[in-house]
C-alpha atoms as a PDB file:
ATOM      1  CA  MET A   1     -26.831  38.760 -32.939  1.00  0.00           C
ATOM      2  CA  ASN A   2     -30.264  38.756 -31.437  1.00  0.00           C
ATOM      3  CA  GLY A   3     -32.231  35.677 -30.127  1.00  0.00           C
ATOM      4  CA  ALA A   4     -33.769  34.809 -33.498  1.00  0.00           C
ATOM      5  CA  GLU A   5     -30.367  35.009 -35.260  1.00  0.00           C
ATOM      6  CA  LEU A   6     -28.774  32.763 -32.454  1.00  0.00           C
ATOM      7  CA  ALA A   7     -31.579  30.238 -32.939  1.00  0.00           C
ATOM      8  CA  LYS A   8     -31.183  30.438 -36.746  1.00  0.00           C
ATOM      9  CA  THR A   9     -27.464  29.578 -36.555  1.00  0.00           C
ATOM     10  CA  ALA A  10     -28.035  26.880 -33.929  1.00  0.00           C
ATOM     11  CA  ARG A  11     -30.617  25.334 -36.365  1.00  0.00           C
ATOM     12  CA  ALA A  12     -28.269  25.616 -39.191  1.00  0.00           C
ATOM     13  CA  LEU A  13     -25.622  23.685 -37.452  1.00  0.00           C
ATOM     14  CA  VAL A  14     -27.954  20.627 -37.028  1.00  0.00           C
ATOM     15  CA  VAL A  15     -29.671  20.890 -40.433  1.00  0.00           C
ATOM     16  CA  ASP A  16     -30.799  17.442 -41.679  1.00  0.00           C
ATOM     17  CA  GLY A  17     -28.017  15.250 -42.802  1.00  0.00           C
ATOM     18  CA  LYS A  18     -25.148  17.408 -41.452  1.00  0.00           C
ATOM     19  CA  GLY A  19     -22.944  17.625 -38.451  1.00  0.00           C
ATOM     20  CA  ILE A  20     -19.995  19.333 -37.084  1.00  0.00           C
ATOM     21  CA  LEU A  21     -16.245  18.610 -37.471  1.00  0.00           C
ATOM     22  CA  ALA A  22     -14.253  19.203 -34.335  1.00  0.00           C
ATOM     23  CA  ALA A  23     -10.754  20.353 -35.608  1.00  0.00           C
ATOM     24  CA  ASP A  24      -9.961  22.108 -32.353  1.00  0.00           C
ATOM     25  CA  GLU A  25      -7.064  19.969 -31.165  1.00  0.00           C
ATOM     26  CA  SER A  26      -4.638  21.687 -28.821  1.00  0.00           C
ATOM     27  CA  ALA A  27      -0.900  21.773 -29.699  1.00  0.00           C
ATOM     28  CA  PRO A  28      -0.094  18.801 -27.445  1.00  0.00           C
ATOM     29  CA  THR A  29      -2.986  16.768 -28.763  1.00  0.00           C
ATOM     30  CA  ILE A  30      -2.304  17.343 -32.480  1.00  0.00           C
ATOM     31  CA  LYS A  31       1.341  16.509 -31.816  1.00  0.00           C
ATOM     32  CA  LYS A  32       0.327  13.122 -30.582  1.00  0.00           C
ATOM     33  CA  ARG A  33      -1.760  12.563 -33.691  1.00  0.00           C
ATOM     34  CA  PHE A  34       1.138  13.739 -35.917  1.00  0.00           C
ATOM     35  CA  ASP A  35       3.619  11.456 -33.984  1.00  0.00           C
ATOM     36  CA  ASN A  36       1.533   8.511 -35.002  1.00  0.00           C
ATOM     37  CA  ILE A  37       2.096   9.252 -38.635  1.00  0.00           C
ATOM     38  CA  ASP A  38       5.827  10.303 -38.166  1.00  0.00           C
ATOM     39  CA  THR A  39       5.040  13.833 -39.132  1.00  0.00           C
ATOM     40  CA  ALA A  40       6.409  16.981 -37.216  1.00  0.00           C
ATOM     41  CA  SER A  41       3.815  19.094 -35.757  1.00  0.00           C
ATOM     42  CA  THR A  42       5.008  22.373 -37.266  1.00  0.00           C
ATOM     43  CA  GLU A  43       2.676  25.257 -37.909  1.00  0.00           C
ATOM     44  CA  GLU A  44       3.046  24.728 -41.658  1.00  0.00           C
ATOM     45  CA  ASN A  45       2.082  21.071 -41.377  1.00  0.00           C
ATOM     46  CA  ARG A  46      -0.938  21.803 -39.156  1.00  0.00           C
ATOM     47  CA  ARG A  47      -2.087  24.322 -41.631  1.00  0.00           C
ATOM     48  CA  ASP A  48      -1.695  22.086 -44.655  1.00  0.00           C
ATOM     49  CA  TYR A  49      -3.533  19.194 -42.791  1.00  0.00           C
ATOM     50  CA  ARG A  50      -6.502  21.372 -41.862  1.00  0.00           C
ATOM     51  CA  THR A  51      -6.570  22.940 -45.386  1.00  0.00           C
ATOM     52  CA  MET A  52      -6.803  19.347 -46.786  1.00  0.00           C
ATOM     53  CA  LEU A  53      -9.957  18.802 -44.700  1.00  0.00           C
ATOM     54  CA  PHE A  54     -11.522  22.137 -45.297  1.00  0.00           C
ATOM     55  CA  THR A  55     -11.076  22.053 -49.040  1.00  0.00           C
ATOM     56  CA  THR A  56     -12.285  18.461 -49.488  1.00  0.00           C
ATOM     57  CA  PRO A  57     -14.874  18.597 -52.428  1.00  0.00           C
ATOM     58  CA  GLY A  58     -18.429  17.699 -51.395  1.00  0.00           C
ATOM     59  CA  ALA A  59     -17.661  17.864 -47.616  1.00  0.00           C
ATOM     60  CA  ALA A  60     -20.192  20.716 -47.073  1.00  0.00           C
ATOM     61  CA  GLU A  61     -22.963  18.389 -48.108  1.00  0.00           C
ATOM     62  CA  HIS A  62     -22.404  16.635 -44.784  1.00  0.00           C
ATOM     63  CA  ILE A  63     -20.499  19.128 -42.655  1.00  0.00           C
ATOM     64  CA  SER A  64     -22.409  22.182 -41.299  1.00  0.00           C
ATOM     65  CA  GLY A  65     -19.670  23.640 -39.160  1.00  0.00           C
ATOM     66  CA  VAL A  66     -16.143  23.306 -37.988  1.00  0.00           C
ATOM     67  CA  ILE A  67     -14.764  24.052 -34.456  1.00  0.00           C
ATOM     68  CA  LEU A  68     -11.278  25.682 -34.851  1.00  0.00           C
ATOM     69  CA  PHE A  69      -8.396  26.210 -32.489  1.00  0.00           C
ATOM     70  CA  ASP A  70      -7.003  29.718 -31.848  1.00  0.00           C
ATOM     71  CA  GLU A  71      -4.040  29.119 -34.063  1.00  0.00           C
ATOM     72  CA  THR A  72      -6.305  27.849 -36.923  1.00  0.00           C
ATOM     73  CA  ILE A  73      -8.852  30.654 -36.916  1.00  0.00           C
ATOM     74  CA  ARG A  74      -5.973  33.164 -37.507  1.00  0.00           C
ATOM     75  CA  GLN A  75      -4.225  31.057 -40.225  1.00  0.00           C
ATOM     76  CA  ASN A  76      -4.121  31.463 -44.072  1.00  0.00           C
ATOM     77  CA  ALA A  77      -3.709  28.664 -46.439  1.00  0.00           C
ATOM     78  CA  ALA A  78      -0.563  28.258 -48.479  1.00  0.00           C
ATOM     79  CA  ASP A  79      -2.128  30.464 -51.119  1.00  0.00           C
ATOM     80  CA  GLY A  80      -2.860  33.207 -48.659  1.00  0.00           C
ATOM     81  CA  THR A  81      -6.556  32.635 -48.349  1.00  0.00           C
ATOM     82  CA  PRO A  82      -7.840  32.740 -44.732  1.00  0.00           C
ATOM     83  CA  LEU A  83      -8.955  29.389 -43.506  1.00  0.00           C
ATOM     84  CA  VAL A  84     -12.135  30.973 -42.159  1.00  0.00           C
ATOM     85  CA  ARG A  85     -12.943  32.279 -45.685  1.00  0.00           C
ATOM     86  CA  ILE A  86     -12.494  28.844 -47.128  1.00  0.00           C
ATOM     87  CA  LEU A  87     -15.004  27.467 -44.858  1.00  0.00           C
ATOM     88  CA  ARG A  88     -17.549  30.385 -45.359  1.00  0.00           C
ATOM     89  CA  ASP A  89     -17.186  30.114 -49.244  1.00  0.00           C
ATOM     90  CA  ALA A  90     -17.917  26.338 -48.997  1.00  0.00           C
ATOM     91  CA  GLY A  91     -21.097  27.174 -46.828  1.00  0.00           C
ATOM     92  CA  ILE A  92     -19.544  25.861 -43.661  1.00  0.00           C
ATOM     93  CA  ILE A  93     -20.016  27.821 -40.412  1.00  0.00           C
ATOM     94  CA  PRO A  94     -16.709  28.615 -38.625  1.00  0.00           C
ATOM     95  CA  GLY A  95     -16.666  28.195 -34.763  1.00  0.00           C
ATOM     96  CA  ILE A  96     -13.960  28.463 -32.006  1.00  0.00           C
ATOM     97  CA  LYS A  97     -12.896  26.525 -28.930  1.00  0.00           C
ATOM     98  CA  VAL A  98     -12.572  28.882 -25.972  1.00  0.00           C
ATOM     99  CA  ASP A  99     -11.741  26.817 -22.900  1.00  0.00           C
ATOM    100  CA  ALA A 100      -8.392  26.778 -21.232  1.00  0.00           C
ATOM    101  CA  GLY A 101      -8.538  23.077 -20.239  1.00  0.00           C
ATOM    102  CA  ALA A 102      -9.525  21.044 -17.275  1.00  0.00           C
ATOM    103  CA  LYS A 103      -7.520  21.949 -14.169  1.00  0.00           C
ATOM    104  CA  PRO A 104      -7.519  20.318 -10.636  1.00  0.00           C
ATOM    105  CA  LEU A 105     -10.374  21.389  -8.591  1.00  0.00           C
ATOM    106  CA  ALA A 106      -9.092  22.618  -5.382  1.00  0.00           C
ATOM    107  CA  GLY A 107      -9.916  20.400  -2.204  1.00  0.00           C
ATOM    108  CA  HIS A 108     -11.177  17.423  -4.513  1.00  0.00           C
ATOM    109  CA  PRO A 109      -8.312  15.121  -5.467  1.00  0.00           C
ATOM    110  CA  GLY A 110      -8.864  13.552  -8.844  1.00  0.00           C
ATOM    111  CA  GLU A 111     -11.495  16.026 -10.098  1.00  0.00           C
ATOM    112  CA  THR A 112     -11.273  18.829 -12.410  1.00  0.00           C
ATOM    113  CA  VAL A 113     -12.878  22.190 -13.383  1.00  0.00           C
ATOM    114  CA  THR A 114     -12.647  23.858 -16.792  1.00  0.00           C
ATOM    115  CA  GLU A 115     -10.962  27.238 -16.798  1.00  0.00           C
ATOM    116  CA  GLY A 116     -11.080  29.793 -19.523  1.00  0.00           C
ATOM    117  CA  LEU A 117     -13.755  32.339 -18.274  1.00  0.00           C
ATOM    118  CA  ASP A 118     -11.186  35.043 -17.364  1.00  0.00           C
ATOM    119  CA  GLY A 119     -11.108  37.544 -20.306  1.00  0.00           C
ATOM    120  CA  LEU A 120     -13.622  35.581 -22.284  1.00  0.00           C
ATOM    121  CA  ARG A 121     -15.865  38.599 -23.081  1.00  0.00           C
ATOM    122  CA  ASP A 122     -12.918  40.229 -24.902  1.00  0.00           C
ATOM    123  CA  ARG A 123     -11.715  36.916 -26.619  1.00  0.00           C
ATOM    124  CA  LEU A 124     -15.295  36.316 -27.922  1.00  0.00           C
ATOM    125  CA  ALA A 125     -15.503  39.815 -29.412  1.00  0.00           C
ATOM    126  CA  ASP A 126     -12.174  39.116 -31.147  1.00  0.00           C
ATOM    127  CA  TYR A 127     -13.190  35.680 -32.401  1.00  0.00           C
ATOM    128  CA  GLY A 128     -16.527  37.217 -33.679  1.00  0.00           C
ATOM    129  CA  LYS A 129     -14.342  39.734 -35.861  1.00  0.00           C
ATOM    130  CA  LEU A 130     -12.358  36.777 -37.057  1.00  0.00           C
ATOM    131  CA  GLY A 131     -15.595  35.159 -38.361  1.00  0.00           C
ATOM    132  CA  ALA A 132     -16.622  32.721 -35.597  1.00  0.00           C
ATOM    133  CA  ARG A 133     -20.288  32.348 -35.249  1.00  0.00           C
ATOM    134  CA  PHE A 134     -20.372  29.724 -32.584  1.00  0.00           C
ATOM    135  CA  ALA A 135     -18.111  28.481 -29.758  1.00  0.00           C
ATOM    136  CA  LYS A 136     -17.301  25.457 -27.602  1.00  0.00           C
ATOM    137  CA  LEU A 137     -16.260  24.979 -23.938  1.00  0.00           C
ATOM    138  CA  ARG A 138     -15.749  21.464 -22.528  1.00  0.00           C
ATOM    139  CA  ALA A 139     -16.132  20.274 -18.992  1.00  0.00           C
ATOM    140  CA  VAL A 140     -15.043  16.732 -18.017  1.00  0.00           C
ATOM    141  CA  TYR A 141     -16.287  14.363 -15.271  1.00  0.00           C
ATOM    142  CA  ARG A 142     -14.521  11.229 -14.149  1.00  0.00           C
ATOM    143  CA  ILE A 143     -16.339   8.316 -12.708  1.00  0.00           C
ATOM    144  CA  GLY A 144     -14.756   6.701  -9.660  1.00  0.00           C
ATOM    145  CA  ASP A 145     -15.695   5.399  -6.190  1.00  0.00           C
ATOM    146  CA  THR A 146     -16.805   8.886  -5.059  1.00  0.00           C
ATOM    147  CA  MET A 147     -16.577  10.755  -8.249  1.00  0.00           C
ATOM    148  CA  PRO A 148     -17.958  12.982  -9.542  1.00  0.00           C
ATOM    149  CA  GLY A 149     -18.881  14.635  -6.304  1.00  0.00           C
ATOM    150  CA  PRO A 150     -21.460  17.368  -5.976  1.00  0.00           C
ATOM    151  CA  ALA A 151     -18.761  20.115  -5.926  1.00  0.00           C
ATOM    152  CA  CYS A 152     -17.351  18.965  -9.223  1.00  0.00           C
ATOM    153  CA  ILE A 153     -20.667  18.675 -11.020  1.00  0.00           C
ATOM    154  CA  LEU A 154     -21.828  22.125  -9.678  1.00  0.00           C
ATOM    155  CA  ALA A 155     -18.621  23.948 -10.430  1.00  0.00           C
ATOM    156  CA  ASN A 156     -18.429  22.837 -14.030  1.00  0.00           C
ATOM    157  CA  ALA A 157     -22.128  23.311 -14.671  1.00  0.00           C
ATOM    158  CA  HIS A 158     -21.761  26.932 -13.315  1.00  0.00           C
ATOM    159  CA  ALA A 159     -18.784  27.484 -15.677  1.00  0.00           C
ATOM    160  CA  LEU A 160     -20.704  26.081 -18.622  1.00  0.00           C
ATOM    161  CA  ALA A 161     -23.559  28.340 -17.906  1.00  0.00           C
ATOM    162  CA  ARG A 162     -21.459  31.613 -17.441  1.00  0.00           C
ATOM    163  CA  TYR A 163     -19.667  30.716 -20.707  1.00  0.00           C
ATOM    164  CA  ALA A 164     -22.939  30.244 -22.578  1.00  0.00           C
ATOM    165  CA  ALA A 165     -24.312  33.664 -21.453  1.00  0.00           C
ATOM    166  CA  LEU A 166     -21.130  35.218 -22.422  1.00  0.00           C
ATOM    167  CA  CYS A 167     -21.453  33.774 -25.926  1.00  0.00           C
ATOM    168  CA  GLN A 168     -24.910  34.775 -26.469  1.00  0.00           C
ATOM    169  CA  GLU A 169     -24.079  38.262 -25.338  1.00  0.00           C
ATOM    170  CA  ALA A 170     -21.328  38.440 -27.998  1.00  0.00           C
ATOM    171  CA  GLY A 171     -23.623  36.999 -30.626  1.00  0.00           C
ATOM    172  CA  LEU A 172     -22.198  33.473 -30.837  1.00  0.00           C
ATOM    173  CA  VAL A 173     -23.922  30.174 -30.353  1.00  0.00           C
ATOM    174  CA  PRO A 174     -22.448  28.350 -27.425  1.00  0.00           C
ATOM    175  CA  ILE A 175     -21.919  24.580 -27.726  1.00  0.00           C
ATOM    176  CA  VAL A 176     -22.260  23.343 -24.148  1.00  0.00           C
ATOM    177  CA  GLU A 177     -20.080  20.174 -23.715  1.00  0.00           C
ATOM    178  CA  PRO A 178     -20.440  18.275 -20.417  1.00  0.00           C
ATOM    179  CA  GLU A 179     -18.406  15.086 -21.003  1.00  0.00           C
ATOM    180  CA  VAL A 180     -18.638  12.111 -18.542  1.00  0.00           C
ATOM    181  CA  LEU A 181     -15.545  10.317 -19.571  1.00  0.00           C
ATOM    182  CA  MET A 182     -15.524   6.664 -20.639  1.00  0.00           C
ATOM    183  CA  ASP A 183     -12.263   6.065 -18.780  1.00  0.00           C
ATOM    184  CA  GLY A 184     -12.524   3.391 -16.108  1.00  0.00           C
ATOM    185  CA  ASP A 185     -14.070   0.005 -15.503  1.00  0.00           C
ATOM    186  CA  HIS A 186     -17.590   1.312 -14.588  1.00  0.00           C
ATOM    187  CA  ASP A 187     -20.676  -0.227 -16.152  1.00  0.00           C
ATOM    188  CA  ILE A 188     -23.247   1.406 -18.286  1.00  0.00           C
ATOM    189  CA  ASP A 189     -25.618   1.852 -15.272  1.00  0.00           C
ATOM    190  CA  ALA A 190     -22.909   4.085 -13.615  1.00  0.00           C
ATOM    191  CA  CYS A 191     -22.485   6.199 -16.736  1.00  0.00           C
ATOM    192  CA  ASP A 192     -26.339   6.518 -17.015  1.00  0.00           C
ATOM    193  CA  GLU A 193     -26.620   7.625 -13.502  1.00  0.00           C
ATOM    194  CA  VAL A 194     -23.866  10.181 -13.517  1.00  0.00           C
ATOM    195  CA  THR A 195     -24.812  11.603 -16.992  1.00  0.00           C
ATOM    196  CA  GLU A 196     -28.342  12.233 -15.846  1.00  0.00           C
ATOM    197  CA  GLU A 197     -27.264  14.034 -12.793  1.00  0.00           C
ATOM    198  CA  VAL A 198     -24.832  16.156 -14.676  1.00  0.00           C
ATOM    199  CA  LEU A 199     -27.192  17.151 -17.352  1.00  0.00           C
ATOM    200  CA  ARG A 200     -29.917  18.236 -14.716  1.00  0.00           C
ATOM    201  CA  THR A 201     -27.445  20.362 -12.977  1.00  0.00           C
ATOM    202  CA  VAL A 202     -26.217  21.978 -16.317  1.00  0.00           C
ATOM    203  CA  PHE A 203     -29.744  22.886 -17.431  1.00  0.00           C
ATOM    204  CA  ALA A 204     -30.467  24.266 -13.834  1.00  0.00           C
ATOM    205  CA  GLU A 205     -27.352  26.432 -14.133  1.00  0.00           C
ATOM    206  CA  LEU A 206     -28.232  27.402 -17.748  1.00  0.00           C
ATOM    207  CA  ALA A 207     -31.775  28.649 -16.396  1.00  0.00           C
ATOM    208  CA  ALA A 208     -30.193  30.474 -13.563  1.00  0.00           C
ATOM    209  CA  GLN A 209     -27.995  32.450 -16.055  1.00  0.00           C
ATOM    210  CA  ASP A 210     -30.977  33.248 -18.297  1.00  0.00           C
ATOM    211  CA  VAL A 211     -29.320  31.386 -21.331  1.00  0.00           C
ATOM    212  CA  LEU A 212     -31.683  31.243 -24.357  1.00  0.00           C
ATOM    213  CA  LEU A 213     -32.070  27.573 -24.849  1.00  0.00           C
ATOM    214  CA  GLU A 214     -33.217  28.050 -28.480  1.00  0.00           C
ATOM    215  CA  GLY A 215     -29.777  29.477 -29.204  1.00  0.00           C
ATOM    216  CA  ILE A 216     -27.534  26.818 -27.712  1.00  0.00           C
ATOM    217  CA  LEU A 217     -26.382  23.147 -28.830  1.00  0.00           C
ATOM    218  CA  LEU A 218     -25.665  20.447 -26.309  1.00  0.00           C
ATOM    219  CA  LYS A 219     -22.561  18.310 -26.952  1.00  0.00           C
ATOM    220  CA  PRO A 220     -22.820  15.370 -24.407  1.00  0.00           C
ATOM    221  CA  ASN A 221     -21.282  11.865 -24.108  1.00  0.00           C
ATOM    222  CA  MET A 222     -23.355   8.862 -25.073  1.00  0.00           C
ATOM    223  CA  ILE A 223     -24.475   6.422 -22.301  1.00  0.00           C
ATOM    224  CA  ILE A 224     -21.786   3.803 -22.732  1.00  0.00           C
ATOM    225  CA  SER A 225     -19.811   1.271 -20.672  1.00  0.00           C
ATOM    226  CA  GLY A 226     -16.519   2.285 -19.275  1.00  0.00           C
ATOM    227  CA  ALA A 227     -13.597   1.437 -21.612  1.00  0.00           C
ATOM    228  CA  ASP A 228     -12.281  -1.222 -19.186  1.00  0.00           C
ATOM    229  CA  CYS A 229     -15.617  -2.701 -18.258  1.00  0.00           C
ATOM    230  CA  PRO A 230     -15.718  -6.373 -19.021  1.00  0.00           C
ATOM    231  CA  ASP A 231     -19.425  -6.101 -19.874  1.00  0.00           C
ATOM    232  CA  GLN A 232     -19.672  -3.806 -22.898  1.00  0.00           C
ATOM    233  CA  ALA A 233     -23.173  -2.694 -23.881  1.00  0.00           C
ATOM    234  CA  ASP A 234     -24.164  -3.311 -27.451  1.00  0.00           C
ATOM    235  CA  VAL A 235     -25.111  -0.701 -30.025  1.00  0.00           C
ATOM    236  CA  ASP A 236     -28.902  -0.871 -29.424  1.00  0.00           C
ATOM    237  CA  GLU A 237     -28.544  -0.565 -25.599  1.00  0.00           C
ATOM    238  CA  VAL A 238     -26.299   2.408 -25.994  1.00  0.00           C
ATOM    239  CA  ALA A 239     -28.818   4.052 -28.316  1.00  0.00           C
ATOM    240  CA  TRP A 240     -31.920   3.635 -26.151  1.00  0.00           C
ATOM    241  CA  ARG A 241     -30.328   4.436 -23.005  1.00  0.00           C
ATOM    242  CA  THR A 242     -28.776   7.556 -24.419  1.00  0.00           C
ATOM    243  CA  VAL A 243     -31.999   8.810 -25.740  1.00  0.00           C
ATOM    244  CA  ARG A 244     -33.977   7.900 -22.497  1.00  0.00           C
ATOM    245  CA  CYS A 245     -31.410   9.990 -20.567  1.00  0.00           C
ATOM    246  CA  LEU A 246     -31.726  12.943 -22.943  1.00  0.00           C
ATOM    247  CA  LYS A 247     -35.591  12.798 -22.746  1.00  0.00           C
ATOM    248  CA  ARG A 248     -35.382  12.962 -18.892  1.00  0.00           C
ATOM    249  CA  THR A 249     -33.096  15.859 -18.932  1.00  0.00           C
ATOM    250  CA  VAL A 250     -32.873  18.097 -22.145  1.00  0.00           C
ATOM    251  CA  PRO A 251     -35.693  20.653 -22.660  1.00  0.00           C
ATOM    252  CA  ALA A 252     -37.369  20.566 -25.953  1.00  0.00           C
ATOM    253  CA  ALA A 253     -36.363  24.114 -26.573  1.00  0.00           C
ATOM    254  CA  VAL A 254     -32.847  23.098 -27.425  1.00  0.00           C
ATOM    255  CA  PRO A 255     -32.505  22.807 -31.168  1.00  0.00           C
ATOM    256  CA  GLY A 256     -30.033  19.915 -31.376  1.00  0.00           C
ATOM    257  CA  ILE A 257     -27.604  17.545 -29.608  1.00  0.00           C
ATOM    258  CA  VAL A 258     -24.219  16.981 -31.299  1.00  0.00           C
ATOM    259  CA  PHE A 259     -22.552  14.053 -29.676  1.00  0.00           C
ATOM    260  CA  LEU A 260     -18.820  13.752 -29.009  1.00  0.00           C
ATOM    261  CA  SER A 261     -17.182  10.461 -29.956  1.00  0.00           C
ATOM    262  CA  GLY A 262     -15.196  10.326 -26.626  1.00  0.00           C
ATOM    263  CA  GLY A 263     -12.667   7.678 -27.485  1.00  0.00           C
ATOM    264  CA  GLN A 264     -14.977   5.526 -29.585  1.00  0.00           C
ATOM    265  CA  SER A 265     -13.714   4.215 -32.880  1.00  0.00           C
ATOM    266  CA  ASP A 266     -14.973   6.108 -35.960  1.00  0.00           C
ATOM    267  CA  GLU A 267     -17.161   3.115 -36.985  1.00  0.00           C
ATOM    268  CA  VAL A 268     -18.841   2.517 -33.579  1.00  0.00           C
ATOM    269  CA  ALA A 269     -19.450   6.257 -33.023  1.00  0.00           C
ATOM    270  CA  THR A 270     -21.272   6.228 -36.403  1.00  0.00           C
ATOM    271  CA  LEU A 271     -23.227   3.021 -35.552  1.00  0.00           C
ATOM    272  CA  HIS A 272     -24.476   4.470 -32.176  1.00  0.00           C
ATOM    273  CA  LEU A 273     -25.570   7.787 -33.861  1.00  0.00           C
ATOM    274  CA  ASN A 274     -27.395   5.774 -36.489  1.00  0.00           C
ATOM    275  CA  ALA A 275     -29.204   3.555 -34.057  1.00  0.00           C
ATOM    276  CA  MET A 276     -30.568   6.521 -32.035  1.00  0.00           C
ATOM    277  CA  ASN A 277     -31.941   8.032 -35.191  1.00  0.00           C
ATOM    278  CA  LYS A 278     -33.599   4.645 -36.103  1.00  0.00           C
ATOM    279  CA  LEU A 279     -35.443   4.419 -32.845  1.00  0.00           C
ATOM    280  CA  PRO A 280     -39.196   4.747 -33.057  1.00  0.00           C
ATOM    281  CA  GLY A 281     -41.132   7.956 -32.175  1.00  0.00           C
ATOM    282  CA  THR A 282     -40.261  11.613 -32.740  1.00  0.00           C
ATOM    283  CA  LEU A 283     -37.833  13.647 -30.735  1.00  0.00           C
ATOM    284  CA  PRO A 284     -37.918  17.355 -29.880  1.00  0.00           C
ATOM    285  CA  TRP A 285     -34.269  18.058 -30.935  1.00  0.00           C
ATOM    286  CA  LYS A 286     -32.061  16.876 -33.815  1.00  0.00           C
ATOM    287  CA  LEU A 287     -29.461  14.206 -32.881  1.00  0.00           C
ATOM    288  CA  SER A 288     -26.243  14.948 -34.814  1.00  0.00           C
ATOM    289  CA  PHE A 289     -22.383  14.723 -34.343  1.00  0.00           C
ATOM    290  CA  SER A 290     -19.516  16.936 -33.351  1.00  0.00           C
ATOM    291  CA  TYR A 291     -16.760  14.486 -33.968  1.00  0.00           C
ATOM    292  CA  GLY A 292     -12.980  14.906 -33.885  1.00  0.00           C
ATOM    293  CA  ARG A 293     -11.210  11.625 -33.988  1.00  0.00           C
ATOM    294  CA  ALA A 294     -14.042   9.804 -35.438  1.00  0.00           C
ATOM    295  CA  LEU A 295     -13.897  12.010 -38.482  1.00  0.00           C
ATOM    296  CA  GLN A 296     -10.176  12.455 -38.623  1.00  0.00           C
ATOM    297  CA  ALA A 297      -8.522   9.153 -37.842  1.00  0.00           C
ATOM    298  CA  ALA A 298      -8.968   7.754 -41.374  1.00  0.00           C
ATOM    299  CA  PRO A 299      -7.903  10.958 -43.250  1.00  0.00           C
ATOM    300  CA  LEU A 300      -4.964  11.680 -41.105  1.00  0.00           C
ATOM    301  CA  LYS A 301      -3.578   8.075 -41.745  1.00  0.00           C
ATOM    302  CA  ALA A 302      -4.257   8.306 -45.532  1.00  0.00           C
ATOM    303  CA  TRP A 303      -2.480  11.771 -45.628  1.00  0.00           C
ATOM    304  CA  GLY A 304       0.449  10.653 -43.647  1.00  0.00           C
ATOM    305  CA  GLY A 305       2.015  14.153 -43.859  1.00  0.00           C
ATOM    306  CA  LYS A 306       2.759  13.967 -47.618  1.00  0.00           C
ATOM    307  CA  ALA A 307       1.553  16.416 -50.125  1.00  0.00           C
ATOM    308  CA  ASP A 308       1.154  13.636 -52.684  1.00  0.00           C
ATOM    309  CA  ASN A 309      -1.531  12.020 -50.488  1.00  0.00           C
ATOM    310  CA  VAL A 310      -3.896  15.001 -50.234  1.00  0.00           C
ATOM    311  CA  SER A 311      -6.507  13.420 -52.550  1.00  0.00           C
ATOM    312  CA  ALA A 312      -6.364  10.156 -50.531  1.00  0.00           C
ATOM    313  CA  GLY A 313      -6.833  12.073 -47.338  1.00  0.00           C
ATOM    314  CA  GLN A 314      -9.797  13.987 -48.680  1.00  0.00           C
ATOM    315  CA  ALA A 315     -11.428  10.836 -49.982  1.00  0.00           C
ATOM    316  CA  ALA A 316     -11.081   9.237 -46.602  1.00  0.00           C
ATOM    317  CA  PHE A 317     -12.527  12.292 -44.863  1.00  0.00           C
ATOM    318  CA  LEU A 318     -15.453  12.553 -47.324  1.00  0.00           C
ATOM    319  CA  GLU A 319     -16.317   8.830 -46.668  1.00  0.00           C
ATOM    320  CA  ARG A 320     -16.505   9.402 -42.917  1.00  0.00           C
ATOM    321  CA  ALA A 321     -18.293  12.624 -43.281  1.00  0.00           C
ATOM    322  CA  LYS A 322     -20.961  10.986 -45.625  1.00  0.00           C
ATOM    323  CA  ALA A 323     -21.355   8.102 -43.177  1.00  0.00           C
ATOM    324  CA  ASN A 324     -22.061  10.299 -40.279  1.00  0.00           C
ATOM    325  CA  GLY A 325     -24.366  12.439 -42.266  1.00  0.00           C
ATOM    326  CA  ALA A 326     -26.314   9.311 -43.186  1.00  0.00           C
ATOM    327  CA  ALA A 327     -26.434   8.397 -39.457  1.00  0.00           C
ATOM    328  CA  THR A 328     -28.126  11.578 -38.642  1.00  0.00           C
ATOM    329  CA  ARG A 329     -31.030  10.288 -40.671  1.00  0.00           C
ATOM    330  CA  GLY A 330     -30.713   6.686 -39.468  1.00  0.00           C
ATOM    331  CA  THR A 331     -29.875   5.526 -42.912  1.00  0.00           C
ATOM    332  CA  TYR A 332     -26.253   4.446 -42.444  1.00  0.00           C
ATOM    333  CA  ALA A 333     -25.555   0.949 -43.541  1.00  0.00           C
END
C-alpha cells in the first residue's frame, strides 16, 4: 500500500458520522467482562459475542472499522464464515491490536513501556494476509509525584514511532495510542500538562522515523480530571481543554483523532465527544471515537451470554453506535 492508499484508508476510518469499535480485549480483560455477566470466557462464547456485534443490522452506518484481537482475526462464526469477511461484507474495515502490553520500565519504578516490536514486521505481514488494513499499539503514562518522567515519555514515544513506521512499510495504517491514564487524584491541569508533553514528544519521534502523517490516526486520551480528584471538570471544560491541547500539538496533516474512552462511562464519553464537535471554528482533523467499553458495556449486559438475547444485545450496540456517530457531528442529544 503506497502513501496515497494509506491516506485513503485513514480518511475512510474517520468518515463523517462514523468511528471505530475497539473489540481487541485481551483474554484476561474479556474474562473480567464475562465474569460480570456470569458467562464463561470460552473461545466459543467470545466468538459468539463478537459475532453478535459484527452482524448487528445497521451498525455499518456508524462504525467504520473494528480493532480485533489475534484470536478474533483468525476466528470463523458458527456458520463457518470468517469474522473478517463478515466485517468486510458489511463495509467495515478490519484492524488488529499488535502490542504485547505495558511492562515495567527498567530503572523507573511505577512506570511502564509498551512491548511488542520484536518480530512485528513478520506479524504485520501475517495480519495483512488475514485481512487487516490498520493496526493499533497502545502506550500508557501514569500521573504521579514524579511521573511520567522523561525516560518513560521518550521510550514510549520512540516505540510508537517505530511501530508506526513498520505498519506503513507493511501497508497498514497505524493507530498511534498514547494514553495518559485517568487513574489517580490529579486535577485536570496535571492531565493537560502531561498530555501536551507526551503528544509533543510522540510527534517529534514520528518525524524522526519519517512516518507519513497523512497515513496515521491518533488515539489519545481526553483532557480530564483524575478519577479520584474531588474537583471533576464538567463536559464543556473537558471539550475545550482537549481541543486546545490538540491544536497545540497535532499537525494538520493527521487525518483524524479517534479518542479512547479510558474508563469513562458510555454516556459521558459520548457527551465529551459531542461537545468537542460543537465548539465554534473549524479543525484540521476529524474528531471521532475508538471506543471499547463505551460501546460494549450496554450490549454485553443485554446479551448476558444467552443466545436468546442476541437481538437485545444488537439493539443496545446499535443505540450506542448511533449515539457516538451523532457525536462526531455534534448533533447528539
